[in-house]
PDB file of N, CA and C in Angstrom:
ATOM      1  N   UNK A   1      56.985  96.901 117.851  1.00  0.00           N
ATOM      2  CA  UNK A   1      58.529  96.994 117.635  1.00  0.00           C
ATOM      3  C   UNK A   1      59.417  96.178 118.197  1.00  0.00           C
ATOM      4  N   UNK A   2      59.147  95.459 119.478  1.00  0.00           N
ATOM      5  CA  UNK A   2      60.324  94.847 119.754  1.00  0.00           C
ATOM      6  C   UNK A   2      60.045  93.237 118.996  1.00  0.00           C
ATOM      7  N   UNK A   3      58.840  93.032 118.273  1.00  0.00           N
ATOM      8  CA  UNK A   3      59.046  91.929 117.163  1.00  0.00           C
ATOM      9  C   UNK A   3      59.830  91.920 116.096  1.00  0.00           C
ATOM     10  N   UNK A   4      60.548  93.206 115.723  1.00  0.00           N
ATOM     11  CA  UNK A   4      61.197  93.237 114.669  1.00  0.00           C
ATOM     12  C   UNK A   4      62.331  92.154 114.753  1.00  0.00           C
ATOM     13  N   UNK A   5      63.004  92.149 115.888  1.00  0.00           N
ATOM     14  CA  UNK A   5      64.132  91.209 115.882  1.00  0.00           C
ATOM     15  C   UNK A   5      63.927  90.073 116.794  1.00  0.00           C
ATOM     16  N   UNK A   6      64.637  88.896 115.850  1.00  0.00           N
ATOM     17  CA  UNK A   6      64.261  87.720 116.384  1.00  0.00           C
ATOM     18  C   UNK A   6      65.003  87.345 117.715  1.00  0.00           C
ATOM     19  N   UNK A   7      64.346  87.145 118.758  1.00  0.00           N
ATOM     20  CA  UNK A   7      64.527  86.859 120.086  1.00  0.00           C
ATOM     21  C   UNK A   7      65.714  85.594 120.256  1.00  0.00           C
ATOM     22  N   UNK A   8      66.738  85.795 121.074  1.00  0.00           N
ATOM     23  CA  UNK A   8      67.707  84.871 121.162  1.00  0.00           C
ATOM     24  C   UNK A   8      67.442  84.118 122.531  1.00  0.00           C
ATOM     25  N   UNK A   9      68.047  82.736 123.083  1.00  0.00           N
ATOM     26  CA  UNK A   9      67.833  82.509 124.345  1.00  0.00           C
ATOM     27  C   UNK A   9      68.698  83.382 125.177  1.00  0.00           C
ATOM     28  N   UNK A  10      68.099  83.731 126.339  1.00  0.00           N
ATOM     29  CA  UNK A  10      69.004  84.551 127.808  1.00  0.00           C
ATOM     30  C   UNK A  10      70.304  83.965 127.536  1.00  0.00           C
ATOM     31  N   UNK A  11      71.208  85.053 127.488  1.00  0.00           N
ATOM     32  CA  UNK A  11      72.768  84.766 127.663  1.00  0.00           C
ATOM     33  C   UNK A  11      73.378  84.408 126.574  1.00  0.00           C
ATOM     34  N   UNK A  12      72.839  84.244 125.130  1.00  0.00           N
ATOM     35  CA  UNK A  12      73.277  84.119 124.154  1.00  0.00           C
ATOM     36  C   UNK A  12      73.205  85.192 123.129  1.00  0.00           C
ATOM     37  N   UNK A  13      74.176  85.716 122.635  1.00  0.00           N
ATOM     38  CA  UNK A  13      74.565  86.985 121.695  1.00  0.00           C
ATOM     39  C   UNK A  13      75.254  86.680 120.461  1.00  0.00           C
ATOM     40  N   UNK A  14      74.828  87.258 119.387  1.00  0.00           N
ATOM     41  CA  UNK A  14      75.669  87.066 118.458  1.00  0.00           C
ATOM     42  C   UNK A  14      77.101  87.226 118.159  1.00  0.00           C
ATOM     43  N   UNK A  15      77.820  86.828 117.628  1.00  0.00           N
ATOM     44  CA  UNK A  15      79.230  87.203 117.648  1.00  0.00           C
ATOM     45  C   UNK A  15      79.362  88.337 116.973  1.00  0.00           C
ATOM     46  N   UNK A  16      78.614  89.209 116.053  1.00  0.00           N
ATOM     47  CA  UNK A  16      78.440  90.375 115.543  1.00  0.00           C
ATOM     48  C   UNK A  16      78.349  91.468 116.775  1.00  0.00           C
ATOM     49  N   UNK A  17      77.457  91.279 117.605  1.00  0.00           N
ATOM     50  CA  UNK A  17      77.426  92.063 118.842  1.00  0.00           C
ATOM     51  C   UNK A  17      78.478  92.148 119.734  1.00  0.00           C
ATOM     52  N   UNK A  18      78.925  91.140 119.900  1.00  0.00           N
ATOM     53  CA  UNK A  18      80.278  90.959 120.962  1.00  0.00           C
ATOM     54  C   UNK A  18      81.141  91.727 120.346  1.00  0.00           C
ATOM     55  N   UNK A  19      81.436  91.465 118.856  1.00  0.00           N
ATOM     56  CA  UNK A  19      82.915  92.108 118.125  1.00  0.00           C
ATOM     57  C   UNK A  19      82.295  93.919 118.221  1.00  0.00           C
ATOM     58  N   UNK A  20      81.227  93.932 117.931  1.00  0.00           N
ATOM     59  CA  UNK A  20      80.857  95.758 118.231  1.00  0.00           C
ATOM     60  C   UNK A  20      81.204  96.198 119.332  1.00  0.00           C
ATOM     61  N   UNK A  21      80.798  95.660 120.551  1.00  0.00           N
ATOM     62  CA  UNK A  21      81.085  96.126 121.869  1.00  0.00           C
ATOM     63  C   UNK A  21      82.644  95.812 122.038  1.00  0.00           C
ATOM     64  N   UNK A  22      83.215  95.081 121.519  1.00  0.00           N
ATOM     65  CA  UNK A  22      84.760  94.870 121.752  1.00  0.00           C
ATOM     66  C   UNK A  22      85.206  96.037 121.126  1.00  0.00           C
ATOM     67  N   UNK A  23      84.866  96.318 119.886  1.00  0.00           N
ATOM     68  CA  UNK A  23      85.508  97.475 119.073  1.00  0.00           C
ATOM     69  C   UNK A  23      85.197  98.686 119.716  1.00  0.00           C
ATOM     70  N   UNK A  24      84.022  98.918 120.311  1.00  0.00           N
ATOM     71  CA  UNK A  24      83.608 100.326 120.873  1.00  0.00           C
ATOM     72  C   UNK A  24      84.440 100.404 121.898  1.00  0.00           C
ATOM     73  N   UNK A  25      84.982  99.219 123.085  1.00  0.00           N
ATOM     74  CA  UNK A  25      85.586  99.393 124.217  1.00  0.00           C
ATOM     75  C   UNK A  25      86.914  99.825 123.473  1.00  0.00           C
ATOM     76  N   UNK A  26      87.870  99.040 122.522  1.00  0.00           N
ATOM     77  CA  UNK A  26      88.995  99.530 122.371  1.00  0.00           C
ATOM     78  C   UNK A  26      89.080 100.889 121.694  1.00  0.00           C
ATOM     79  N   UNK A  27      88.208 101.377 120.878  1.00  0.00           N
ATOM     80  CA  UNK A  27      88.089 102.416 120.435  1.00  0.00           C
ATOM     81  C   UNK A  27      88.120 103.834 121.503  1.00  0.00           C
ATOM     82  N   UNK A  28      87.356 103.559 122.504  1.00  0.00           N
ATOM     83  CA  UNK A  28      87.135 104.659 123.527  1.00  0.00           C
ATOM     84  C   UNK A  28      88.021 104.702 124.535  1.00  0.00           C
ATOM     85  N   UNK A  29      88.986 103.430 124.867  1.00  0.00           N
ATOM     86  CA  UNK A  29      89.986 103.440 125.648  1.00  0.00           C
ATOM     87  C   UNK A  29      91.383 103.899 125.266  1.00  0.00           C
ATOM     88  N   UNK A  30      91.563 103.634 123.851  1.00  0.00           N
ATOM     89  CA  UNK A  30      92.694 103.736 123.197  1.00  0.00           C
ATOM     90  C   UNK A  30      92.680 105.255 122.487  1.00  0.00           C
ATOM     91  N   UNK A  31      91.551 105.501 121.848  1.00  0.00           N
ATOM     92  CA  UNK A  31      91.785 106.680 120.807  1.00  0.00           C
ATOM     93  C   UNK A  31      91.935 106.112 119.394  1.00  0.00           C
ATOM     94  N   UNK A  32      91.760 104.968 119.289  1.00  0.00           N
ATOM     95  CA  UNK A  32      91.989 104.339 118.218  1.00  0.00           C
ATOM     96  C   UNK A  32      91.558 105.197 117.004  1.00  0.00           C
ATOM     97  N   UNK A  33      92.246 105.605 115.872  1.00  0.00           N
ATOM     98  CA  UNK A  33      91.928 105.965 114.725  1.00  0.00           C
ATOM     99  C   UNK A  33      91.548 107.449 115.179  1.00  0.00           C
ATOM    100  N   UNK A  34      91.664 107.893 116.047  1.00  0.00           N
ATOM    101  CA  UNK A  34      91.090 109.325 116.349  1.00  0.00           C
ATOM    102  C   UNK A  34      92.198 110.453 115.669  1.00  0.00           C
ATOM    103  N   UNK A  35      91.876 111.639 115.746  1.00  0.00           N
ATOM    104  CA  UNK A  35      92.689 112.588 114.771  1.00  0.00           C
ATOM    105  C   UNK A  35      93.406 113.335 116.192  1.00  0.00           C
ATOM    106  N   UNK A  36      94.408 113.922 116.199  1.00  0.00           N
ATOM    107  CA  UNK A  36      95.092 114.617 116.987  1.00  0.00           C
ATOM    108  C   UNK A  36      96.128 113.733 118.004  1.00  0.00           C
ATOM    109  N   UNK A  37      96.360 113.889 119.079  1.00  0.00           N
ATOM    110  CA  UNK A  37      97.275 113.431 119.875  1.00  0.00           C
ATOM    111  C   UNK A  37      96.252 112.048 120.773  1.00  0.00           C
ATOM    112  N   UNK A  38      97.176 110.798 120.801  1.00  0.00           N
ATOM    113  CA  UNK A  38      96.721 109.898 121.302  1.00  0.00           C
ATOM    114  C   UNK A  38      96.303 109.715 122.685  1.00  0.00           C
ATOM    115  N   UNK A  39      95.368 109.116 123.166  1.00  0.00           N
ATOM    116  CA  UNK A  39      94.972 108.881 124.660  1.00  0.00           C
ATOM    117  C   UNK A  39      95.518 107.803 125.203  1.00  0.00           C
ATOM    118  N   UNK A  40      95.224 107.778 126.590  1.00  0.00           N
ATOM    119  CA  UNK A  40      95.872 106.292 127.303  1.00  0.00           C
ATOM    120  C   UNK A  40      97.229 105.774 127.103  1.00  0.00           C
ATOM    121  N   UNK A  41      97.788 107.106 127.111  1.00  0.00           N
ATOM    122  CA  UNK A  41      99.248 106.413 126.901  1.00  0.00           C
ATOM    123  C   UNK A  41      99.963 106.292 125.783  1.00  0.00           C
ATOM    124  N   UNK A  42      99.179 106.578 124.671  1.00  0.00           N
ATOM    125  CA  UNK A  42      99.719 106.156 123.545  1.00  0.00           C
ATOM    126  C   UNK A  42      99.911 107.655 122.509  1.00  0.00           C
ATOM    127  N   UNK A  43     100.875 107.441 122.072  1.00  0.00           N
ATOM    128  CA  UNK A  43     101.217 108.496 121.051  1.00  0.00           C
ATOM    129  C   UNK A  43     101.243 108.102 119.487  1.00  0.00           C
ATOM    130  N   UNK A  44      99.909 108.514 118.855  1.00  0.00           N
ATOM    131  CA  UNK A  44     100.031 108.411 117.574  1.00  0.00           C
ATOM    132  C   UNK A  44     100.921 109.222 116.627  1.00  0.00           C
ATOM    133  N   UNK A  45     101.608 108.253 115.772  1.00  0.00           N
ATOM    134  CA  UNK A  45     102.621 109.344 115.233  1.00  0.00           C
ATOM    135  C   UNK A  45     102.139 109.840 113.804  1.00  0.00           C
ATOM    136  N   UNK A  46     101.014 108.834 113.337  1.00  0.00           N
ATOM    137  CA  UNK A  46     100.177 109.226 112.414  1.00  0.00           C
ATOM    138  C   UNK A  46      98.867 109.108 112.311  1.00  0.00           C
ATOM    139  N   UNK A  47      98.382 110.609 112.717  1.00  0.00           N
ATOM    140  CA  UNK A  47      97.395 111.095 113.116  1.00  0.00           C
ATOM    141  C   UNK A  47      96.536 110.883 111.912  1.00  0.00           C
ATOM    142  N   UNK A  48      95.204 110.260 112.106  1.00  0.00           N
ATOM    143  CA  UNK A  48      94.043 110.452 110.948  1.00  0.00           C
ATOM    144  C   UNK A  48      93.706 112.274 110.886  1.00  0.00           C
ATOM    145  N   UNK A  49      93.359 112.590 109.644  1.00  0.00           N
ATOM    146  CA  UNK A  49      93.260 114.111 109.682  1.00  0.00           C
ATOM    147  C   UNK A  49      91.540 114.160 108.691  1.00  0.00           C
ATOM    148  N   UNK A  50      91.124 113.073 108.413  1.00  0.00           N
ATOM    149  CA  UNK A  50      89.628 112.939 107.761  1.00  0.00           C
ATOM    150  C   UNK A  50      88.851 112.326 108.650  1.00  0.00           C
ATOM    151  N   UNK A  51      87.382 112.320 108.430  1.00  0.00           N
ATOM    152  CA  UNK A  51      86.390 111.576 109.117  1.00  0.00           C
ATOM    153  C   UNK A  51      86.365 110.106 108.586  1.00  0.00           C
ATOM    154  N   UNK A  52      86.641 110.398 106.983  1.00  0.00           N
ATOM    155  CA  UNK A  52      86.566 109.244 106.297  1.00  0.00           C
ATOM    156  C   UNK A  52      87.797 108.305 106.932  1.00  0.00           C
ATOM    157  N   UNK A  53      88.781 108.767 106.951  1.00  0.00           N
ATOM    158  CA  UNK A  53      89.960 107.920 107.584  1.00  0.00           C
ATOM    159  C   UNK A  53      89.559 107.406 108.941  1.00  0.00           C
ATOM    160  N   UNK A  54      89.032 107.993 109.824  1.00  0.00           N
ATOM    161  CA  UNK A  54      88.385 107.558 110.880  1.00  0.00           C
ATOM    162  C   UNK A  54      87.808 106.569 110.658  1.00  0.00           C
ATOM    163  N   UNK A  55      86.836 106.451 109.918  1.00  0.00           N
ATOM    164  CA  UNK A  55      85.758 105.588 109.640  1.00  0.00           C
ATOM    165  C   UNK A  55      86.329 104.194 109.303  1.00  0.00           C
ATOM    166  N   UNK A  56      87.496 104.411 108.193  1.00  0.00           N
ATOM    167  CA  UNK A  56      88.031 103.294 107.578  1.00  0.00           C
ATOM    168  C   UNK A  56      88.778 102.448 108.909  1.00  0.00           C
ATOM    169  N   UNK A  57      89.694 103.310 109.959  1.00  0.00           N
ATOM    170  CA  UNK A  57      90.285 102.583 110.749  1.00  0.00           C
ATOM    171  C   UNK A  57      89.054 101.824 111.874  1.00  0.00           C
ATOM    172  N   UNK A  58      87.985 102.582 112.175  1.00  0.00           N
ATOM    173  CA  UNK A  58      86.979 101.781 112.783  1.00  0.00           C
ATOM    174  C   UNK A  58      86.420 100.492 112.076  1.00  0.00           C
ATOM    175  N   UNK A  59      86.545 100.433 111.030  1.00  0.00           N
ATOM    176  CA  UNK A  59      85.731  99.168 110.167  1.00  0.00           C
ATOM    177  C   UNK A  59      86.884  98.051 110.247  1.00  0.00           C
ATOM    178  N   UNK A  60      87.989  98.542 110.238  1.00  0.00           N
ATOM    179  CA  UNK A  60      89.093  97.735 110.047  1.00  0.00           C
ATOM    180  C   UNK A  60      89.535  97.219 111.556  1.00  0.00           C
ATOM    181  N   UNK A  61      89.326  97.927 112.731  1.00  0.00           N
ATOM    182  CA  UNK A  61      89.225  97.701 114.034  1.00  0.00           C
ATOM    183  C   UNK A  61      87.931  96.562 114.336  1.00  0.00           C
ATOM    184  N   UNK A  62      86.799  96.899 113.623  1.00  0.00           N
ATOM    185  CA  UNK A  62      85.715  95.895 113.934  1.00  0.00           C
ATOM    186  C   UNK A  62      85.810  94.491 113.064  1.00  0.00           C
ATOM    187  N   UNK A  63      86.605  94.528 112.061  1.00  0.00           N
ATOM    188  CA  UNK A  63      86.943  93.118 111.165  1.00  0.00           C
ATOM    189  C   UNK A  63      87.817  92.463 112.064  1.00  0.00           C
ATOM    190  N   UNK A  64      88.589  93.126 112.783  1.00  0.00           N
ATOM    191  CA  UNK A  64      89.802  92.264 113.439  1.00  0.00           C
ATOM    192  C   UNK A  64      88.940  91.635 114.872  1.00  0.00           C
ATOM    193  N   UNK A  65      87.981  92.571 115.186  1.00  0.00           N
ATOM    194  CA  UNK A  65      87.325  91.916 116.488  1.00  0.00           C
ATOM    195  C   UNK A  65      86.559  90.697 116.123  1.00  0.00           C
ATOM    196  N   UNK A  66      85.763  91.071 115.209  1.00  0.00           N
ATOM    197  CA  UNK A  66      85.068  89.772 114.740  1.00  0.00           C
ATOM    198  C   UNK A  66      85.906  88.689 114.592  1.00  0.00           C
ATOM    199  N   UNK A  67      86.874  88.646 113.668  1.00  0.00           N
ATOM    200  CA  UNK A  67      87.616  87.418 113.574  1.00  0.00           C
ATOM    201  C   UNK A  67      88.276  87.126 114.980  1.00  0.00           C
ATOM    202  N   UNK A  68      88.667  87.825 115.825  1.00  0.00           N
ATOM    203  CA  UNK A  68      89.065  87.140 116.953  1.00  0.00           C
ATOM    204  C   UNK A  68      87.841  86.579 117.852  1.00  0.00           C
ATOM    205  N   UNK A  69      86.526  87.220 117.775  1.00  0.00           N
ATOM    206  CA  UNK A  69      85.417  86.339 118.394  1.00  0.00           C
ATOM    207  C   UNK A  69      85.055  85.300 117.615  1.00  0.00           C
ATOM    208  N   UNK A  70      85.114  84.869 116.514  1.00  0.00           N
ATOM    209  CA  UNK A  70      84.749  83.960 115.766  1.00  0.00           C
ATOM    210  C   UNK A  70      85.683  82.667 115.775  1.00  0.00           C
ATOM    211  N   UNK A  71      87.066  82.965 116.592  1.00  0.00           N
ATOM    212  CA  UNK A  71      87.950  82.168 116.564  1.00  0.00           C
ATOM    213  C   UNK A  71      87.845  81.404 118.190  1.00  0.00           C
ATOM    214  N   UNK A  72      87.271  82.041 119.034  1.00  0.00           N
ATOM    215  CA  UNK A  72      87.239  81.531 120.281  1.00  0.00           C
ATOM    216  C   UNK A  72      85.914  80.409 120.192  1.00  0.00           C
ATOM    217  N   UNK A  73      86.109  79.380 120.375  1.00  0.00           N
ATOM    218  CA  UNK A  73      85.124  78.497 120.720  1.00  0.00           C
ATOM    219  C   UNK A  73      85.071  77.239 121.428  1.00  0.00           C
TER     220      UNK A  73
END
């Protein structure tokens, strides 16, 4: 099972993995794209009402995170 994924050198991570971790951190700490009231001091005026909208917001956030990670070199 461990042979399914190519092994990278220790300490080296793909940009996609870093962007995913960044997206998870931002989404969980800010309530990004969640329905209802915002969290962490943010008051969302345009609350999302459907799971599809929430997924769209997360995909958009992932794209922004990936762009940010790829921009750092």
